[in-house]
Amino acid sequence: MVEQLQSVVAYLEQHLSEEITMDALKPLITGSIYHFNKVFHALSGYSISEYLRNRRMSEANKALLEGRNVTEVAYQYGYNSQDGFSRAFTAWAGLHPSEVRKLGFSKTTPVLSFQITVRGGDSMECRIITMPAFKFAGVIKRVPMQFEGINQEIVKLAQSITAEQRKAMHRLQNMEPKEVVNASFDADSNFLEEKGELTHLIGVLTTATEVDPILETIPVEAMTWAIFPCEGPFPSTLQETMANIYALWLPVSGYEVINAPTFSFTRMHTQRQGYAYSEVWTPVRK
């Protein structure tokens, strides 16, 4: 995984002044591009597109300090107009590109270098199981991809579930974990344009052959799952666990995430307000 991360960074660095598409990065990445981007974000704090934009602005800053023309620099780093570049640069630097040389302004986003460090005191509980084929049954919606914060479209999806749909889910759930789960899959791969959606499902796991038509179903093949339990303040503990799967466990585990739904469930504590037990189920292979 570290080698793949370094290869992607090297490719971006070599092609900063060219148009870069996710298709160009695919040969450097094994497994799901969506999950690779989550690893990249968890380790660096940037999505791939954010990092690429910041590196371009950093190099543009150097070029402007050298006295190069704003229009020339704009076109070199992928902007079709000086106005578009000026807006982006001002948002990044806090001043107009025409002021850079006059003020001697310098701001730098350094080239990333990924290293995995084992730290004392941190541990992640994980169990690996193999599950037979099943299907998700629930409600589904395409929602914007979002790596941080609360996705309001998922909140709306949860609020849309009717009493009849909840009863149907309860009748169907016959596989562990016998919980209402949140699952995400089928992510678009156009991260470099900071666009795209993924499919989000709220539902249950079932092997039932007949499903009430008020629910939608998604088939899942037999596969291996890495299960990460966590307990603590909600949602911060769950969000931290999800980040650590990609930042701490995955790069050194010998497993890779495959292109299948990841899901989680949460049980709120009945006596401790804002406290919950959660599990994250991640589809993996050696």
Protein backbone atom coordinates (compact mmCIF):
# COMPACT_ATOMS: atom_id res chain seq x y z
CA MET A 1 0.00 0.00 0.00
CA VAL A 2 2.79 2.45 0.89
CA GLU A 3 4.42 1.74 -2.47
CA GLN A 4 1.17 2.51 -4.27
CA LEU A 5 0.73 5.77 -2.37
CA GLN A 6 4.27 6.85 -3.23
CA SER A 7 3.77 5.88 -6.88
CA VAL A 8 0.63 8.02 -7.13
CA VAL A 9 2.38 11.00 -5.51
CA ALA A 10 5.32 10.61 -7.91
CA TYR A 11 2.98 10.46 -10.90
CA LEU A 12 1.12 13.59 -9.79
CA GLU A 13 4.41 15.41 -9.29
CA GLN A 14 5.65 14.48 -12.76
CA HIS A 15 2.44 15.69 -14.41
CA LEU A 16 1.48 18.78 -12.39
CA SER A 17 1.25 20.96 -15.50
CA GLU A 18 -0.79 18.40 -17.46
CA GLU A 19 -4.39 17.26 -17.31
CA ILE A 20 -4.58 14.28 -14.96
CA THR A 21 -7.51 11.87 -14.96
CA MET A 22 -8.30 9.07 -12.55
CA ASP A 23 -7.93 6.65 -15.48
CA ALA A 24 -4.24 7.58 -15.58
CA LEU A 25 -3.87 6.56 -11.92
CA LYS A 26 -5.71 3.23 -12.20
CA PRO A 27 -2.62 1.23 -13.32
CA LEU A 28 -0.86 2.35 -10.12
CA ILE A 29 -3.64 1.17 -7.81
CA THR A 30 -4.85 -2.31 -6.95
CA GLY A 31 -8.33 -2.80 -5.58
CA SER A 32 -10.97 -0.10 -5.26
CA ILE A 33 -9.99 3.43 -6.28
CA TYR A 34 -12.63 4.78 -3.87
CA HIS A 35 -11.02 2.97 -0.93
CA PHE A 36 -7.54 3.98 -2.09
CA ASN A 37 -8.64 7.62 -1.95
CA LYS A 38 -9.90 7.03 1.60
CA VAL A 39 -6.48 5.66 2.59
CA PHE A 40 -4.83 8.67 0.95
CA HIS A 41 -7.12 11.04 2.84
CA ALA A 42 -6.75 9.24 6.17
CA LEU A 43 -2.96 9.35 6.03
CA SER A 44 -2.43 12.79 4.51
CA GLY A 45 -5.48 14.84 5.46
CA TYR A 46 -6.07 15.56 1.75
CA SER A 47 -8.22 13.95 -0.88
CA ILE A 48 -6.21 13.28 -4.04
CA SER A 49 -7.86 16.24 -5.76
CA GLU A 50 -7.15 18.59 -2.83
CA TYR A 51 -3.51 17.55 -2.74
CA LEU A 52 -3.14 17.99 -6.50
CA ARG A 53 -4.70 21.48 -6.38
CA ASN A 54 -2.49 22.54 -3.46
CA ARG A 55 0.65 21.28 -5.15
CA ARG A 56 -0.23 23.18 -8.32
CA MET A 57 -0.84 26.37 -6.34
CA SER A 58 2.47 25.86 -4.53
CA GLU A 59 4.39 25.57 -7.81
CA ALA A 60 2.43 28.48 -9.29
CA ASN A 61 3.50 30.58 -6.29
CA LYS A 62 7.15 29.82 -7.09
CA ALA A 63 6.66 30.75 -10.74
CA LEU A 64 5.02 34.06 -9.80
CA LEU A 65 7.88 34.88 -7.42
CA GLU A 66 10.24 34.38 -10.35
CA GLY A 67 8.35 37.12 -12.19
CA ARG A 68 6.40 35.02 -14.65
CA ASN A 69 3.20 36.39 -16.15
CA VAL A 70 -0.04 35.53 -14.31
CA THR A 71 -1.78 34.42 -17.51
CA GLU A 72 1.13 32.16 -18.47
CA VAL A 73 1.17 30.54 -15.03
CA ALA A 74 -2.61 30.10 -15.08
CA TYR A 75 -2.54 28.14 -18.33
CA GLN A 76 0.49 26.09 -17.25
CA TYR A 77 -1.36 24.77 -14.22
CA GLY A 78 -4.60 23.84 -15.94
CA TYR A 79 -6.77 26.95 -15.81
CA ASN A 80 -8.56 28.10 -18.94
CA SER A 81 -8.69 31.73 -17.85
CA GLN A 82 -6.71 34.15 -15.73
CA ASP A 83 -9.85 34.96 -13.74
CA GLY A 84 -10.42 31.33 -12.79
CA PHE A 85 -6.81 30.92 -11.71
CA SER A 86 -6.87 34.20 -9.77
CA ARG A 87 -9.94 33.14 -7.80
CA ALA A 88 -8.42 29.75 -6.98
CA PHE A 89 -5.06 31.23 -6.03
CA THR A 90 -6.65 33.92 -3.85
CA ALA A 91 -8.71 31.28 -2.03
CA TRP A 92 -5.54 29.23 -1.43
CA ALA A 93 -3.08 32.03 -0.61
CA GLY A 94 -5.25 34.82 0.73
CA LEU A 95 -3.98 37.38 -1.79
CA HIS A 96 -4.18 38.03 -5.52
CA PRO A 97 -1.45 36.41 -7.68
CA SER A 98 -0.43 39.86 -8.97
CA GLU A 99 0.67 40.74 -5.41
CA VAL A 100 2.98 37.75 -4.93
CA ARG A 101 6.20 39.22 -6.32
CA LYS A 102 5.59 42.70 -4.91
CA LEU A 103 5.15 41.32 -1.39
CA GLY A 104 7.63 38.47 -1.73
CA PHE A 105 4.86 36.11 -0.63
CA SER A 106 5.67 32.40 -0.42
CA LYS A 107 3.39 29.56 0.60
CA THR A 108 4.31 25.92 0.08
CA THR A 109 2.51 22.59 0.10
CA PRO A 110 5.38 20.07 0.28
CA VAL A 111 5.51 16.84 -1.68
CA LEU A 112 3.98 14.05 0.39
CA SER A 113 6.08 11.15 1.62
CA PHE A 114 4.18 8.28 3.20
CA GLN A 115 5.61 6.30 6.09
CA ILE A 116 3.89 3.88 8.42
CA THR A 117 5.00 4.18 12.05
CA VAL A 118 4.00 1.71 14.76
CA ARG A 119 3.21 3.72 17.87
CA GLY A 120 3.02 2.35 21.40
CA GLY A 121 -0.31 2.60 23.18
CA ASP A 122 -2.54 2.41 20.10
CA SER A 123 -4.40 -0.79 19.28
CA MET A 124 -7.28 -1.80 17.06
CA GLU A 125 -9.40 -4.84 17.77
CA CYS A 126 -10.27 -6.73 14.59
CA ARG A 127 -11.71 -10.10 13.71
CA ILE A 128 -11.74 -11.70 10.26
CA ILE A 129 -14.67 -13.87 9.19
CA THR A 130 -15.95 -15.44 5.98
CA MET A 131 -19.63 -14.96 5.22
CA PRO A 132 -21.87 -16.78 2.72
CA ALA A 133 -23.73 -14.82 0.07
CA PHE A 134 -26.61 -12.64 1.23
CA LYS A 135 -28.50 -9.55 0.16
CA PHE A 136 -29.07 -6.14 1.69
CA ALA A 137 -32.74 -5.18 1.90
CA GLY A 138 -33.63 -1.59 2.67
CA VAL A 139 -33.91 1.92 1.29
CA ILE A 140 -31.37 3.27 -1.17
CA LYS A 141 -30.29 6.68 -2.46
CA ARG A 142 -27.44 8.13 -4.51
CA VAL A 143 -25.73 10.71 -2.30
CA PRO A 144 -22.74 13.05 -2.77
CA MET A 145 -19.39 11.57 -1.73
CA GLN A 146 -18.19 13.18 1.49
CA PHE A 147 -15.11 12.23 3.50
CA GLU A 148 -15.74 14.40 6.55
CA GLY A 149 -18.72 15.70 8.50
CA ILE A 150 -22.37 14.67 8.43
CA ASN A 151 -23.81 13.86 5.01
CA GLN A 152 -27.18 15.57 5.06
CA GLU A 153 -28.50 13.47 2.18
CA ILE A 154 -27.98 10.33 4.28
CA VAL A 155 -29.81 12.03 7.15
CA LYS A 156 -32.73 12.71 4.79
CA LEU A 157 -32.69 9.08 3.64
CA ALA A 158 -32.97 7.87 7.25
CA GLN A 159 -35.81 10.30 7.92
CA SER A 160 -37.69 9.01 4.86
CA ILE A 161 -38.04 5.42 6.14
CA THR A 162 -41.67 4.58 6.83
CA ALA A 163 -43.07 2.44 9.65
CA GLU A 164 -44.03 -0.22 7.09
CA GLN A 165 -40.49 -0.35 5.73
CA ARG A 166 -39.05 -0.71 9.23
CA LYS A 167 -41.40 -3.64 9.96
CA ALA A 168 -40.43 -5.30 6.68
CA MET A 169 -36.73 -4.96 7.52
CA HIS A 170 -37.31 -6.45 10.97
CA ARG A 171 -39.05 -9.49 9.45
CA LEU A 172 -36.21 -10.08 6.99
CA GLN A 173 -33.07 -9.74 9.14
CA ASN A 174 -31.78 -13.27 9.66
CA MET A 175 -27.98 -12.88 9.45
CA GLU A 176 -25.34 -11.49 11.74
CA PRO A 177 -25.15 -8.75 12.60
CA LYS A 178 -28.91 -8.69 13.18
CA GLU A 179 -28.94 -4.90 13.13
CA VAL A 180 -30.08 -2.07 10.88
CA VAL A 181 -26.92 -1.14 8.99
CA ASN A 182 -25.59 1.70 6.87
CA ALA A 183 -23.83 0.50 3.70
CA SER A 184 -21.95 2.46 1.01
CA PHE A 185 -20.92 1.22 -2.44
CA ASP A 186 -20.78 1.96 -6.20
CA ALA A 187 -18.76 5.15 -5.79
CA ASP A 188 -18.01 7.29 -8.83
CA SER A 189 -14.29 7.55 -9.55
CA ASN A 190 -14.05 11.17 -10.71
CA PHE A 191 -12.34 12.39 -7.53
CA LEU A 192 -10.02 14.68 -9.43
CA GLU A 193 -12.96 16.90 -10.40
CA GLU A 194 -14.31 16.75 -6.82
CA LYS A 195 -17.58 15.44 -8.17
CA GLY A 196 -19.38 12.16 -7.87
CA GLU A 197 -21.80 10.19 -5.82
CA LEU A 198 -22.07 6.81 -4.16
CA THR A 199 -25.01 4.59 -3.31
CA HIS A 200 -26.03 4.54 0.33
CA LEU A 201 -28.33 1.92 1.82
CA ILE A 202 -30.01 1.75 5.19
CA GLY A 203 -31.30 -1.77 5.75
CA VAL A 204 -30.64 -5.30 6.97
CA LEU A 205 -28.78 -8.45 5.91
CA THR A 206 -30.99 -11.33 4.76
CA THR A 207 -30.94 -14.65 2.93
CA ALA A 208 -34.69 -14.51 2.26
CA THR A 209 -35.64 -15.34 -1.33
CA GLU A 210 -38.71 -13.09 -1.28
CA VAL A 211 -38.47 -9.46 -0.20
CA ASP A 212 -41.35 -7.03 0.25
CA PRO A 213 -41.45 -4.74 -2.83
CA ILE A 214 -41.44 -1.65 -0.59
CA LEU A 215 -37.74 -2.42 -0.04
CA GLU A 216 -34.86 -2.53 -2.51
CA THR A 217 -32.25 -5.28 -2.53
CA ILE A 218 -28.52 -5.47 -3.28
CA PRO A 219 -26.92 -8.94 -3.69
CA VAL A 220 -23.56 -9.54 -2.02
CA GLU A 221 -21.29 -12.46 -2.89
CA ALA A 222 -19.67 -14.73 -0.33
CA MET A 223 -16.49 -12.99 0.88
CA THR A 224 -14.18 -12.18 3.79
CA TRP A 225 -14.90 -9.32 6.18
CA ALA A 226 -12.68 -7.47 8.64
CA ILE A 227 -14.82 -6.38 11.58
CA PHE A 228 -13.79 -3.48 13.82
CA PRO A 229 -15.74 -2.95 17.06
CA CYS A 230 -15.57 0.33 18.92
CA GLU A 231 -17.26 1.91 21.90
CA GLY A 232 -17.31 5.49 23.11
CA PRO A 233 -18.79 8.93 22.42
CA PHE A 234 -20.88 8.91 19.24
CA PRO A 235 -20.23 9.72 16.43
CA SER A 236 -16.60 10.70 17.12
CA THR A 237 -15.47 7.19 18.14
CA LEU A 238 -17.01 5.59 15.05
CA GLN A 239 -15.51 8.22 12.75
CA GLU A 240 -12.08 7.80 14.35
CA THR A 241 -12.27 4.03 13.95
CA MET A 242 -13.18 4.37 10.27
CA ALA A 243 -10.22 6.69 9.73
CA ASN A 244 -7.84 4.36 11.60
CA ILE A 245 -8.85 1.37 9.48
CA TYR A 246 -7.35 3.17 6.51
CA ALA A 247 -4.57 5.08 8.26
CA LEU A 248 -3.25 2.45 10.71
CA TRP A 249 -4.59 -1.05 10.04
CA LEU A 250 -4.90 -1.42 6.28
CA PRO A 251 -1.38 -0.33 5.23
CA VAL A 252 0.28 -2.97 7.46
CA SER A 253 -2.37 -5.70 7.63
CA GLY A 254 -1.56 -7.70 4.52
CA TYR A 255 -5.15 -7.18 3.35
CA GLU A 256 -6.67 -4.87 0.79
CA VAL A 257 -10.22 -3.54 0.65
CA ILE A 258 -12.20 -4.90 -2.29
CA ASN A 259 -14.87 -3.20 -4.36
CA ALA A 260 -17.90 -4.27 -2.33
CA PRO A 261 -20.15 -2.56 0.22
CA THR A 262 -18.65 -1.47 3.52
CA PHE A 263 -21.24 -1.24 6.27
CA SER A 264 -21.60 -0.33 9.91
CA PHE A 265 -24.17 -0.36 12.68
CA THR A 266 -24.51 1.52 15.96
CA ARG A 267 -26.28 0.70 19.23
CA MET A 268 -26.79 3.77 21.41
CA HIS A 269 -26.20 3.22 25.13
CA THR A 270 -29.46 3.23 27.08
CA GLN A 271 -27.97 4.78 30.22
CA ARG A 272 -25.08 6.93 28.96
CA GLN A 273 -26.20 9.79 26.77
CA GLY A 274 -24.18 10.21 23.58
CA TYR A 275 -22.36 6.89 24.12
CA ALA A 276 -22.57 3.97 21.69
CA TYR A 277 -21.23 0.62 20.58
CA SER A 278 -20.52 0.34 16.84
CA GLU A 279 -19.01 -2.10 14.37
CA VAL A 280 -17.49 -1.42 10.97
CA TRP A 281 -17.59 -4.35 8.50
CA THR A 282 -15.02 -3.95 5.73
CA PRO A 283 -14.79 -6.37 2.73
CA VAL A 284 -11.19 -7.51 2.29
CA ARG A 285 -8.90 -10.05 0.66
CA LYS A 286 -5.30 -11.07 1.24
